[in-house]
Amino acid sequence: MSWNPVTGCLHDCTYCYAKGITHRFGSPENANGELHVLDIAEIRKGKDGAYVANPYPFGFDPTFHKYRLEQPAHTKVPQRIFVGSMTDLFGEWVPDEWIMQVFSACQRAIGHTYMFLTKNPARYWKLFDDGKLLLYDDIWYGSTITGAEKSLTYVTGLRVNTFLSIEPIMNKVEIPEESLAEINWVIIGAETGSGKKVVPERSWIENIVAACNAARVPVFMKSNLEEVWGEPLIQELPH
């Protein structure tokens, strides 16, 4: 399941699916580029005249939905929870206090597996150095790369469960062997949506799979790679 106590992002990625969702189901006209905090859900009138919760009342502006913090605690069956599918929780613009409240909510709802993902893994290290990073076995920290970056950064050295999300893969990706030695799982996926600009080459994926096999790191291919891969997808789960 996905859990979004924070929504919105300032990375401005050209392939961002989340921004399109907020424009479709939220109120992009209210965006002003600032940070927003909501203690209770904003209600608006839906197309059918009924009043419904507005999931993105400030469009894609970074917004802290404090009323969503207890969702994991109210989910009794253990889940693998992707935290922040509609944001980058560790973007430089996100206040530490928002992150600390999310971490506290995780600690109040043990039994789930929490998966965090960022394009800014340096923030993990900053929180770690400040003694603020949440560290236990059911926490996974991931780093996103696409092959389009000028420089690559990875989640290494934290001695926790880590994963690499290569999605959407936009170019050939070379993963240093020393980085893979500290990665527990690699996920690969393609750009999606009607406006997608890049169709990955099979050789890009083969390159990643070969590196992961050599390092004995499990690989999970998203279903959107089916046509490119041309054979049963490799969908390994972490050990």
Foldseek 3Di string as FASTA:
>chain_A
DEAEQKAAEDPPDPLDPLLVVLVVQADCVQADQEEEEDAAFDWDQDPVRDIDGHPRHNRRRIYGDNVRLQVLVVDDPAEEYEYYPRYQCQPPNHDPVSVLSNLVSPVNRPRYQYEHEHQCCVSQVVCVVVVRHDADASYEYEYEDAQPDPDDDGDPDPPYAYEYEHPQRADADDDDLVRLLGYQEYEYEHRDDPPDDGDDALVSVVNVVVSCVVNVHAYAYDPRCCVRPVDDTRHDDGD
